[in-house]
Amino acid sequence: MDSGQALLDLGDTGRAHQLIAEGESLLPPARDKTRGVFLTYRAASYLSLNDPEPAAAAATESLILARRIGAPRCANLVRDLLPRFQPYRHAQGVPELLQLAAA
């Protein structure tokens, strides 16, 4: 996860997305908080690629998971991404994400 986030920070979104997805697939169900963080990193990766639909899907999944398990850090990570969704507010899944986040 940390390697994926570091690559994302450096702008290597393709490789970052790959590492994040690989890390997420290795998580057992007991690590849902970590899964929520991975999903948020994946959303950020897709946003960096100007691909809002999968970004919205990942962020929505993370926010729902965070609320279900009571993980405020995950919810805050999603909220921190919301301004980056504004240019895509008409893309599939984005209005639903923004509505969910506002609730």
PDB file of N, CA and C in Angstrom:
ATOM      1  N   MET A   1       0.825  -1.184   0.000  1.00  0.00           N
ATOM      2  CA  MET A   1       0.000   0.000   0.000  1.00  0.00           C
ATOM      3  C   MET A   1       0.867   1.245   0.000  1.00  0.00           C
ATOM      4  N   ASP A   2       1.873   1.286   0.881  1.00  0.00           N
ATOM      5  CA  ASP A   2       2.708   2.473   0.963  1.00  0.00           C
ATOM      6  C   ASP A   2       3.472   2.712  -0.334  1.00  0.00           C
ATOM      7  N   SER A   3       3.931   1.635  -0.973  1.00  0.00           N
ATOM      8  CA  SER A   3       4.632   1.787  -2.248  1.00  0.00           C
ATOM      9  C   SER A   3       3.701   2.358  -3.304  1.00  0.00           C
ATOM     10  N   GLY A   4       2.474   1.861  -3.328  1.00  0.00           N
ATOM     11  CA  GLY A   4       1.493   2.370  -4.282  1.00  0.00           C
ATOM     12  C   GLY A   4       1.204   3.835  -4.051  1.00  0.00           C
ATOM     13  N   GLN A   5       1.034   4.224  -2.803  1.00  0.00           N
ATOM     14  CA  GLN A   5       0.775   5.631  -2.496  1.00  0.00           C
ATOM     15  C   GLN A   5       1.980   6.487  -2.846  1.00  0.00           C
ATOM     16  N   ALA A   6       3.185   6.008  -2.580  1.00  0.00           N
ATOM     17  CA  ALA A   6       4.392   6.768  -2.916  1.00  0.00           C
ATOM     18  C   ALA A   6       4.486   6.983  -4.425  1.00  0.00           C
ATOM     19  N   LEU A   7       4.207   5.936  -5.201  1.00  0.00           N
ATOM     20  CA  LEU A   7       4.233   6.081  -6.659  1.00  0.00           C
ATOM     21  C   LEU A   7       3.142   7.026  -7.129  1.00  0.00           C
ATOM     22  N   LEU A   8       1.997   6.974  -6.493  1.00  0.00           N
ATOM     23  CA  LEU A   8       0.918   7.902  -6.832  1.00  0.00           C
ATOM     24  C   LEU A   8       1.364   9.335  -6.578  1.00  0.00           C
ATOM     25  N   ASP A   9       2.001   9.562  -5.445  1.00  0.00           N
ATOM     26  CA  ASP A   9       2.514  10.896  -5.119  1.00  0.00           C
ATOM     27  C   ASP A   9       3.554  11.373  -6.132  1.00  0.00           C
ATOM     28  N   LEU A  10       4.291  10.422  -6.706  1.00  0.00           N
ATOM     29  CA  LEU A  10       5.319  10.767  -7.692  1.00  0.00           C
ATOM     30  C   LEU A  10       4.768  10.872  -9.117  1.00  0.00           C
ATOM     31  N   GLY A  11       3.495  10.566  -9.278  1.00  0.00           N
ATOM     32  CA  GLY A  11       2.872  10.694 -10.593  1.00  0.00           C
ATOM     33  C   GLY A  11       2.895   9.436 -11.435  1.00  0.00           C
ATOM     34  N   ASP A  12       3.381   8.339 -10.904  1.00  0.00           N
ATOM     35  CA  ASP A  12       3.404   7.069 -11.651  1.00  0.00           C
ATOM     36  C   ASP A  12       2.100   6.330 -11.369  1.00  0.00           C
ATOM     37  N   THR A  13       1.006   6.854 -11.918  1.00  0.00           N
ATOM     38  CA  THR A  13      -0.319   6.351 -11.567  1.00  0.00           C
ATOM     39  C   THR A  13      -0.576   4.936 -12.055  1.00  0.00           C
ATOM     40  N   GLY A  14      -0.053   4.578 -13.203  1.00  0.00           N
ATOM     41  CA  GLY A  14      -0.275   3.230 -13.718  1.00  0.00           C
ATOM     42  C   GLY A  14       0.289   2.172 -12.793  1.00  0.00           C
ATOM     43  N   ARG A  15       1.529   2.318 -12.428  1.00  0.00           N
ATOM     44  CA  ARG A  15       2.177   1.355 -11.519  1.00  0.00           C
ATOM     45  C   ARG A  15       1.569   1.442 -10.120  1.00  0.00           C
ATOM     46  N   ALA A  16       1.242   2.653  -9.678  1.00  0.00           N
ATOM     47  CA  ALA A  16       0.626   2.818  -8.364  1.00  0.00           C
ATOM     48  C   ALA A  16      -0.689   2.065  -8.295  1.00  0.00           C
ATOM     49  N   HIS A  17      -1.507   2.205  -9.327  1.00  0.00           N
ATOM     50  CA  HIS A  17      -2.800   1.525  -9.340  1.00  0.00           C
ATOM     51  C   HIS A  17      -2.599   0.016  -9.281  1.00  0.00           C
ATOM     52  N   GLN A  18      -1.619  -0.484  -9.994  1.00  0.00           N
ATOM     53  CA  GLN A  18      -1.339  -1.915 -10.003  1.00  0.00           C
ATOM     54  C   GLN A  18      -0.950  -2.399  -8.602  1.00  0.00           C
ATOM     55  N   LEU A  19      -0.046  -1.694  -7.944  1.00  0.00           N
ATOM     56  CA  LEU A  19       0.391  -2.098  -6.600  1.00  0.00           C
ATOM     57  C   LEU A  19      -0.747  -2.007  -5.582  1.00  0.00           C
ATOM     58  N   ILE A  20      -1.553  -0.977  -5.688  1.00  0.00           N
ATOM     59  CA  ILE A  20      -2.680  -0.823  -4.774  1.00  0.00           C
ATOM     60  C   ILE A  20      -3.661  -1.974  -4.955  1.00  0.00           C
ATOM     61  N   ALA A  21      -3.983  -2.307  -6.208  1.00  0.00           N
ATOM     62  CA  ALA A  21      -4.904  -3.411  -6.475  1.00  0.00           C
ATOM     63  C   ALA A  21      -4.330  -4.740  -5.980  1.00  0.00           C
ATOM     64  N   GLU A  22      -3.038  -4.955  -6.189  1.00  0.00           N
ATOM     65  CA  GLU A  22      -2.406  -6.183  -5.710  1.00  0.00           C
ATOM     66  C   GLU A  22      -2.466  -6.271  -4.183  1.00  0.00           C
ATOM     67  N   GLY A  23      -2.167  -5.190  -3.532  1.00  0.00           N
ATOM     68  CA  GLY A  23      -2.205  -5.171  -2.081  1.00  0.00           C
ATOM     69  C   GLY A  23      -3.597  -5.416  -1.544  1.00  0.00           C
ATOM     70  N   GLU A  24      -4.578  -4.805  -2.172  1.00  0.00           N
ATOM     71  CA  GLU A  24      -5.969  -4.987  -1.748  1.00  0.00           C
ATOM     72  C   GLU A  24      -6.390  -6.449  -1.885  1.00  0.00           C
ATOM     73  N   SER A  25      -5.968  -7.102  -2.941  1.00  0.00           N
ATOM     74  CA  SER A  25      -6.374  -8.492  -3.167  1.00  0.00           C
ATOM     75  C   SER A  25      -5.779  -9.440  -2.128  1.00  0.00           C
ATOM     76  N   LEU A  26      -4.717  -9.032  -1.464  1.00  0.00           N
ATOM     77  CA  LEU A  26      -4.074  -9.871  -0.459  1.00  0.00           C
ATOM     78  C   LEU A  26      -4.673  -9.720   0.939  1.00  0.00           C
ATOM     79  N   LEU A  27      -5.562  -8.751   1.105  1.00  0.00           N
ATOM     80  CA  LEU A  27      -6.106  -8.493   2.435  1.00  0.00           C
ATOM     81  C   LEU A  27      -7.168  -9.507   2.836  1.00  0.00           C
ATOM     82  N   PRO A  28      -7.081 -10.027   4.052  1.00  0.00           N
ATOM     83  CA  PRO A  28      -8.156 -10.885   4.551  1.00  0.00           C
ATOM     84  C   PRO A  28      -9.350 -10.012   4.952  1.00  0.00           C
ATOM     85  N   PRO A  29     -10.529 -10.599   5.059  1.00  0.00           N
ATOM     86  CA  PRO A  29     -11.719  -9.819   5.432  1.00  0.00           C
ATOM     87  C   PRO A  29     -11.581  -9.059   6.745  1.00  0.00           C
ATOM     88  N   ALA A  30     -10.762  -9.533   7.643  1.00  0.00           N
ATOM     89  CA  ALA A  30     -10.585  -8.865   8.933  1.00  0.00           C
ATOM     90  C   ALA A  30      -9.874  -7.519   8.802  1.00  0.00           C
ATOM     91  N   ARG A  31      -9.329  -7.222   7.642  1.00  0.00           N
ATOM     92  CA  ARG A  31      -8.578  -5.975   7.441  1.00  0.00           C
ATOM     93  C   ARG A  31      -9.382  -4.952   6.646  1.00  0.00           C
ATOM     94  N   ASP A  32     -10.670  -4.802   6.978  1.00  0.00           N
ATOM     95  CA  ASP A  32     -11.535  -3.903   6.226  1.00  0.00           C
ATOM     96  C   ASP A  32     -11.100  -2.438   6.298  1.00  0.00           C
ATOM     97  N   LYS A  33     -10.541  -2.010   7.416  1.00  0.00           N
ATOM     98  CA  LYS A  33     -10.076  -0.614   7.490  1.00  0.00           C
ATOM     99  C   LYS A  33      -8.986  -0.373   6.451  1.00  0.00           C
ATOM    100  N   THR A  34      -8.065  -1.304   6.368  1.00  0.00           N
ATOM    101  CA  THR A  34      -6.998  -1.185   5.384  1.00  0.00           C
ATOM    102  C   THR A  34      -7.574  -1.243   3.971  1.00  0.00           C
ATOM    103  N   ARG A  35      -8.568  -2.102   3.755  1.00  0.00           N
ATOM    104  CA  ARG A  35      -9.224  -2.192   2.452  1.00  0.00           C
ATOM    105  C   ARG A  35      -9.840  -0.832   2.079  1.00  0.00           C
ATOM    106  N   GLY A  36     -10.447  -0.164   3.058  1.00  0.00           N
ATOM    107  CA  GLY A  36     -11.019   1.157   2.807  1.00  0.00           C
ATOM    108  C   GLY A  36      -9.967   2.165   2.374  1.00  0.00           C
ATOM    109  N   VAL A  37      -8.794   2.104   3.007  1.00  0.00           N
ATOM    110  CA  VAL A  37      -7.693   2.993   2.624  1.00  0.00           C
ATOM    111  C   VAL A  37      -7.237   2.665   1.201  1.00  0.00           C
ATOM    112  N   PHE A  38      -7.083   1.373   0.898  1.00  0.00           N
ATOM    113  CA  PHE A  38      -6.684   0.964  -0.450  1.00  0.00           C
ATOM    114  C   PHE A  38      -7.675   1.484  -1.485  1.00  0.00           C
ATOM    115  N   LEU A  39      -8.965   1.352  -1.192  1.00  0.00           N
ATOM    116  CA  LEU A  39      -9.986   1.819  -2.134  1.00  0.00           C
ATOM    117  C   LEU A  39      -9.871   3.323  -2.376  1.00  0.00           C
ATOM    118  N   THR A  40      -9.571   4.059  -1.327  1.00  0.00           N
ATOM    119  CA  THR A  40      -9.414   5.505  -1.481  1.00  0.00           C
ATOM    120  C   THR A  40      -8.180   5.829  -2.316  1.00  0.00           C
ATOM    121  N   TYR A  41      -7.094   5.097  -2.093  1.00  0.00           N
ATOM    122  CA  TYR A  41      -5.906   5.297  -2.911  1.00  0.00           C
ATOM    123  C   TYR A  41      -6.190   4.941  -4.368  1.00  0.00           C
ATOM    124  N   ARG A  42      -6.974   3.890  -4.569  1.00  0.00           N
ATOM    125  CA  ARG A  42      -7.334   3.522  -5.936  1.00  0.00           C
ATOM    126  C   ARG A  42      -8.151   4.643  -6.580  1.00  0.00           C
ATOM    127  N   ALA A  43      -9.084   5.207  -5.838  1.00  0.00           N
ATOM    128  CA  ALA A  43      -9.880   6.324  -6.356  1.00  0.00           C
ATOM    129  C   ALA A  43      -8.980   7.489  -6.751  1.00  0.00           C
ATOM    130  N   ALA A  44      -8.028   7.807  -5.904  1.00  0.00           N
ATOM    131  CA  ALA A  44      -7.094   8.900  -6.216  1.00  0.00           C
ATOM    132  C   ALA A  44      -6.287   8.589  -7.465  1.00  0.00           C
ATOM    133  N   SER A  45      -5.906   7.339  -7.614  1.00  0.00           N
ATOM    134  CA  SER A  45      -5.152   6.925  -8.794  1.00  0.00           C
ATOM    135  C   SER A  45      -5.972   7.140 -10.061  1.00  0.00           C
ATOM    136  N   TYR A  46      -7.225   6.711 -10.027  1.00  0.00           N
ATOM    137  CA  TYR A  46      -8.093   6.910 -11.193  1.00  0.00           C
ATOM    138  C   TYR A  46      -8.322   8.392 -11.475  1.00  0.00           C
ATOM    139  N   LEU A  47      -8.463   9.188 -10.439  1.00  0.00           N
ATOM    140  CA  LEU A  47      -8.626  10.624 -10.663  1.00  0.00           C
ATOM    141  C   LEU A  47      -7.396  11.215 -11.333  1.00  0.00           C
ATOM    142  N   SER A  48      -6.227  10.740 -10.931  1.00  0.00           N
ATOM    143  CA  SER A  48      -4.991  11.221 -11.563  1.00  0.00           C
ATOM    144  C   SER A  48      -4.927  10.847 -13.031  1.00  0.00           C
ATOM    145  N   LEU A  49      -5.633   9.786 -13.401  1.00  0.00           N
ATOM    146  CA  LEU A  49      -5.696   9.355 -14.801  1.00  0.00           C
ATOM    147  C   LEU A  49      -6.881   9.977 -15.531  1.00  0.00           C
ATOM    148  N   ASN A  50      -7.564  10.920 -14.876  1.00  0.00           N
ATOM    149  CA  ASN A  50      -8.764  11.560 -15.436  1.00  0.00           C
ATOM    150  C   ASN A  50      -9.823  10.535 -15.811  1.00  0.00           C
ATOM    151  N   ASP A  51     -10.031   9.560 -14.943  1.00  0.00           N
ATOM    152  CA  ASP A  51     -10.994   8.484 -15.159  1.00  0.00           C
ATOM    153  C   ASP A  51     -11.968   8.490 -13.978  1.00  0.00           C
ATOM    154  N   PRO A  52     -12.971   9.370 -14.019  1.00  0.00           N
ATOM    155  CA  PRO A  52     -13.805   9.590 -12.838  1.00  0.00           C
ATOM    156  C   PRO A  52     -14.766   8.457 -12.484  1.00  0.00           C
ATOM    157  N   GLU A  53     -15.199   7.677 -13.455  1.00  0.00           N
ATOM    158  CA  GLU A  53     -16.187   6.643 -13.147  1.00  0.00           C
ATOM    159  C   GLU A  53     -15.635   5.578 -12.196  1.00  0.00           C
ATOM    160  N   PRO A  54     -14.486   4.945 -12.514  1.00  0.00           N
ATOM    161  CA  PRO A  54     -13.962   3.981 -11.536  1.00  0.00           C
ATOM    162  C   PRO A  54     -13.492   4.660 -10.248  1.00  0.00           C
ATOM    163  N   ALA A  55     -13.083   5.915 -10.339  1.00  0.00           N
ATOM    164  CA  ALA A  55     -12.696   6.642  -9.124  1.00  0.00           C
ATOM    165  C   ALA A  55     -13.900   6.798  -8.206  1.00  0.00           C
ATOM    166  N   ALA A  56     -15.037   7.154  -8.779  1.00  0.00           N
ATOM    167  CA  ALA A  56     -16.260   7.318  -7.989  1.00  0.00           C
ATOM    168  C   ALA A  56     -16.695   5.987  -7.392  1.00  0.00           C
ATOM    169  N   ALA A  57     -16.580   4.923  -8.167  1.00  0.00           N
ATOM    170  CA  ALA A  57     -16.966   3.602  -7.670  1.00  0.00           C
ATOM    171  C   ALA A  57     -16.099   3.200  -6.481  1.00  0.00           C
ATOM    172  N   ALA A  58     -14.795   3.397  -6.588  1.00  0.00           N
ATOM    173  CA  ALA A  58     -13.886   3.034  -5.498  1.00  0.00           C
ATOM    174  C   ALA A  58     -14.121   3.914  -4.264  1.00  0.00           C
ATOM    175  N   ALA A  59     -14.302   5.205  -4.486  1.00  0.00           N
ATOM    176  CA  ALA A  59     -14.532   6.116  -3.359  1.00  0.00           C
ATOM    177  C   ALA A  59     -15.861   5.813  -2.675  1.00  0.00           C
ATOM    178  N   THR A  60     -16.879   5.507  -3.460  1.00  0.00           N
ATOM    179  CA  THR A  60     -18.179   5.159  -2.884  1.00  0.00           C
ATOM    180  C   THR A  60     -18.074   3.895  -2.052  1.00  0.00           C
ATOM    181  N   GLU A  61     -17.408   2.886  -2.599  1.00  0.00           N
ATOM    182  CA  GLU A  61     -17.227   1.636  -1.858  1.00  0.00           C
ATOM    183  C   GLU A  61     -16.468   1.885  -0.560  1.00  0.00           C
ATOM    184  N   SER A  62     -15.441   2.716  -0.602  1.00  0.00           N
ATOM    185  CA  SER A  62     -14.665   3.020   0.586  1.00  0.00           C
ATOM    186  C   SER A  62     -15.511   3.747   1.627  1.00  0.00           C
ATOM    187  N   LEU A  63     -16.304   4.710   1.186  1.00  0.00           N
ATOM    188  CA  LEU A  63     -17.123   5.477   2.119  1.00  0.00           C
ATOM    189  C   LEU A  63     -18.194   4.599   2.770  1.00  0.00           C
ATOM    190  N   ILE A  64     -18.823   3.747   1.988  1.00  0.00           N
ATOM    191  CA  ILE A  64     -19.824   2.829   2.542  1.00  0.00           C
ATOM    192  C   ILE A  64     -19.170   1.896   3.552  1.00  0.00           C
ATOM    193  N   LEU A  65     -18.025   1.356   3.192  1.00  0.00           N
ATOM    194  CA  LEU A  65     -17.290   0.466   4.092  1.00  0.00           C
ATOM    195  C   LEU A  65     -16.904   1.201   5.372  1.00  0.00           C
ATOM    196  N   ALA A  66     -16.382   2.409   5.229  1.00  0.00           N
ATOM    197  CA  ALA A  66     -15.955   3.191   6.388  1.00  0.00           C
ATOM    198  C   ALA A  66     -17.109   3.446   7.345  1.00  0.00           C
ATOM    199  N   ARG A  67     -18.242   3.769   6.802  1.00  0.00           N
ATOM    200  CA  ARG A  67     -19.405   4.018   7.661  1.00  0.00           C
ATOM    201  C   ARG A  67     -19.895   2.732   8.313  1.00  0.00           C
ATOM    202  N   ARG A  68     -19.846   1.636   7.585  1.00  0.00           N
ATOM    203  CA  ARG A  68     -20.339   0.366   8.122  1.00  0.00           C
ATOM    204  C   ARG A  68     -19.474  -0.112   9.292  1.00  0.00           C
ATOM    205  N   ILE A  69     -18.158   0.052   9.179  1.00  0.00           N
ATOM    206  CA  ILE A  69     -17.264  -0.468  10.223  1.00  0.00           C
ATOM    207  C   ILE A  69     -16.815   0.612  11.216  1.00  0.00           C
ATOM    208  N   GLY A  70     -17.265   1.847  11.012  1.00  0.00           N
ATOM    209  CA  GLY A  70     -16.878   2.916  11.919  1.00  0.00           C
ATOM    210  C   GLY A  70     -15.417   3.295  11.797  1.00  0.00           C
ATOM    211  N   ALA A  71     -14.992   3.594  10.572  1.00  0.00           N
ATOM    212  CA  ALA A  71     -13.591   3.948  10.309  1.00  0.00           C
ATOM    213  C   ALA A  71     -13.503   5.404   9.839  1.00  0.00           C
ATOM    214  N   PRO A  72     -13.411   6.339  10.765  1.00  0.00           N
ATOM    215  CA  PRO A  72     -13.411   7.753  10.382  1.00  0.00           C
ATOM    216  C   PRO A  72     -12.228   8.157   9.507  1.00  0.00           C
ATOM    217  N   ARG A  73     -11.079   7.505   9.661  1.00  0.00           N
ATOM    218  CA  ARG A  73      -9.927   7.866   8.820  1.00  0.00           C
ATOM    219  C   ARG A  73     -10.249   7.596   7.355  1.00  0.00           C
ATOM    220  N   CYS A  74     -10.858   6.467   7.069  1.00  0.00           N
ATOM    221  CA  CYS A  74     -11.233   6.138   5.690  1.00  0.00           C
ATOM    222  C   CYS A  74     -12.239   7.150   5.162  1.00  0.00           C
ATOM    223  N   ALA A  75     -13.231   7.476   5.988  1.00  0.00           N
ATOM    224  CA  ALA A  75     -14.233   8.453   5.572  1.00  0.00           C
ATOM    225  C   ALA A  75     -13.577   9.810   5.289  1.00  0.00           C
ATOM    226  N   ASN A  76     -12.617  10.194   6.125  1.00  0.00           N
ATOM    227  CA  ASN A  76     -11.918  11.469   5.908  1.00  0.00           C
ATOM    228  C   ASN A  76     -11.082  11.446   4.638  1.00  0.00           C
ATOM    229  N   LEU A  77     -10.474  10.309   4.328  1.00  0.00           N
ATOM    230  CA  LEU A  77      -9.701  10.201   3.087  1.00  0.00           C
ATOM    231  C   LEU A  77     -10.605  10.410   1.874  1.00  0.00           C
ATOM    232  N   VAL A  78     -11.798   9.849   1.927  1.00  0.00           N
ATOM    233  CA  VAL A  78     -12.746  10.045   0.831  1.00  0.00           C
ATOM    234  C   VAL A  78     -13.162  11.514   0.764  1.00  0.00           C
ATOM    235  N   ARG A  79     -13.496  12.099   1.903  1.00  0.00           N
ATOM    236  CA  ARG A  79     -13.899  13.507   1.910  1.00  0.00           C
ATOM    237  C   ARG A  79     -12.801  14.406   1.345  1.00  0.00           C
ATOM    238  N   ASP A  80     -11.552  14.058   1.615  1.00  0.00           N
ATOM    239  CA  ASP A  80     -10.437  14.851   1.088  1.00  0.00           C
ATOM    240  C   ASP A  80     -10.361  14.786  -0.435  1.00  0.00           C
ATOM    241  N   LEU A  81     -10.886  13.717  -1.019  1.00  0.00           N
ATOM    242  CA  LEU A  81     -10.895  13.569  -2.479  1.00  0.00           C
ATOM    243  C   LEU A  81     -12.034  14.313  -3.156  1.00  0.00           C
ATOM    244  N   LEU A  82     -13.081  14.638  -2.423  1.00  0.00           N
ATOM    245  CA  LEU A  82     -14.292  15.185  -3.036  1.00  0.00           C
ATOM    246  C   LEU A  82     -14.059  16.416  -3.922  1.00  0.00           C
ATOM    247  N   PRO A  83     -13.203  17.356  -3.529  1.00  0.00           N
ATOM    248  CA  PRO A  83     -12.980  18.500  -4.433  1.00  0.00           C
ATOM    249  C   PRO A  83     -12.449  18.089  -5.810  1.00  0.00           C
ATOM    250  N   ARG A  84     -11.705  17.004  -5.858  1.00  0.00           N
ATOM    251  CA  ARG A  84     -11.157  16.550  -7.144  1.00  0.00           C
ATOM    252  C   ARG A  84     -12.242  15.960  -8.046  1.00  0.00           C
ATOM    253  N   PHE A  85     -13.395  15.614  -7.475  1.00  0.00           N
ATOM    254  CA  PHE A  85     -14.506  15.101  -8.264  1.00  0.00           C
ATOM    255  C   PHE A  85     -15.359  16.213  -8.878  1.00  0.00           C
ATOM    256  N   GLN A  86     -15.231  17.433  -8.398  1.00  0.00           N
ATOM    257  CA  GLN A  86     -16.090  18.521  -8.865  1.00  0.00           C
ATOM    258  C   GLN A  86     -16.067  18.726 -10.386  1.00  0.00           C
ATOM    259  N   PRO A  87     -14.918  18.657 -11.041  1.00  0.00           N
ATOM    260  CA  PRO A  87     -14.930  18.824 -12.502  1.00  0.00           C
ATOM    261  C   PRO A  87     -15.691  17.704 -13.221  1.00  0.00           C
ATOM    262  N   TYR A  88     -15.926  16.622 -12.522  1.00  0.00           N
ATOM    263  CA  TYR A  88     -16.582  15.455 -13.118  1.00  0.00           C
ATOM    264  C   TYR A  88     -17.974  15.235 -12.537  1.00  0.00           C
ATOM    265  N   ARG A  89     -18.583  16.261 -11.984  1.00  0.00           N
ATOM    266  CA  ARG A  89     -19.826  16.077 -11.238  1.00  0.00           C
ATOM    267  C   ARG A  89     -20.970  15.496 -12.054  1.00  0.00           C
ATOM    268  N   HIS A  90     -20.818  15.436 -13.394  1.00  0.00           N
ATOM    269  CA  HIS A  90     -21.859  14.840 -14.232  1.00  0.00           C
ATOM    270  C   HIS A  90     -21.463  13.449 -14.732  1.00  0.00           C
ATOM    271  N   ALA A  91     -20.295  12.978 -14.358  1.00  0.00           N
ATOM    272  CA  ALA A  91     -19.846  11.646 -14.776  1.00  0.00           C
ATOM    273  C   ALA A  91     -20.598  10.574 -13.989  1.00  0.00           C
ATOM    274  N   GLN A  92     -20.715   9.413 -14.573  1.00  0.00           N
ATOM    275  CA  GLN A  92     -21.437   8.312 -13.938  1.00  0.00           C
ATOM    276  C   GLN A  92     -20.862   8.000 -12.561  1.00  0.00           C
ATOM    277  N   GLY A  93     -21.715   7.949 -11.573  1.00  0.00           N
ATOM    278  CA  GLY A  93     -21.330   7.609 -10.213  1.00  0.00           C
ATOM    279  C   GLY A  93     -20.916   8.779  -9.357  1.00  0.00           C
ATOM    280  N   VAL A  94     -20.513   9.865  -9.951  1.00  0.00           N
ATOM    281  CA  VAL A  94     -20.030  11.007  -9.172  1.00  0.00           C
ATOM    282  C   VAL A  94     -21.178  11.697  -8.416  1.00  0.00           C
ATOM    283  N   PRO A  95     -22.331  11.966  -9.063  1.00  0.00           N
ATOM    284  CA  PRO A  95     -23.409  12.597  -8.272  1.00  0.00           C
ATOM    285  C   PRO A  95     -23.832  11.750  -7.073  1.00  0.00           C
ATOM    286  N   GLU A  96     -23.859  10.440  -7.251  1.00  0.00           N
ATOM    287  CA  GLU A  96     -24.226   9.559  -6.153  1.00  0.00           C
ATOM    288  C   GLU A  96     -23.197   9.607  -5.026  1.00  0.00           C
ATOM    289  N   LEU A  97     -21.919   9.648  -5.396  1.00  0.00           N
ATOM    290  CA  LEU A  97     -20.858   9.762  -4.391  1.00  0.00           C
ATOM    291  C   LEU A  97     -21.002  11.063  -3.622  1.00  0.00           C
ATOM    292  N   LEU A  98     -21.191  12.161  -4.318  1.00  0.00           N
ATOM    293  CA  LEU A  98     -21.310  13.460  -3.659  1.00  0.00           C
ATOM    294  C   LEU A  98     -22.526  13.501  -2.748  1.00  0.00           C
ATOM    295  N   GLN A  99     -23.608  12.893  -3.178  1.00  0.00           N
ATOM    296  CA  GLN A  99     -24.822  12.842  -2.356  1.00  0.00           C
ATOM    297  C   GLN A  99     -24.585  11.982  -1.108  1.00  0.00           C
ATOM    298  N   LEU A 100     -23.952  10.844  -1.292  1.00  0.00           N
ATOM    299  CA  LEU A 100     -23.639   9.966  -0.161  1.00  0.00           C
ATOM    300  C   LEU A 100     -22.741  10.671   0.842  1.00  0.00           C
ATOM    301  N   ALA A 101     -21.755  11.375   0.349  1.00  0.00           N
ATOM    302  CA  ALA A 101     -20.816  12.071   1.225  1.00  0.00           C
ATOM    303  C   ALA A 101     -21.499  13.197   1.997  1.00  0.00           C
ATOM    304  N   ALA A 102     -22.497  13.815   1.387  1.00  0.00           N
ATOM    305  CA  ALA A 102     -23.210  14.906   2.044  1.00  0.00           C
ATOM    306  C   ALA A 102     -24.196  14.414   3.098  1.00  0.00           C
ATOM    307  N   ALA A 103     -24.560  13.145   3.022  1.00  0.00           N
ATOM    308  CA  ALA A 103     -25.562  12.595   3.957  1.00  0.00           C
ATOM    309  C   ALA A 103     -24.981  12.333   5.319  1.00  0.00           C
TER     310      ALA A 103
END
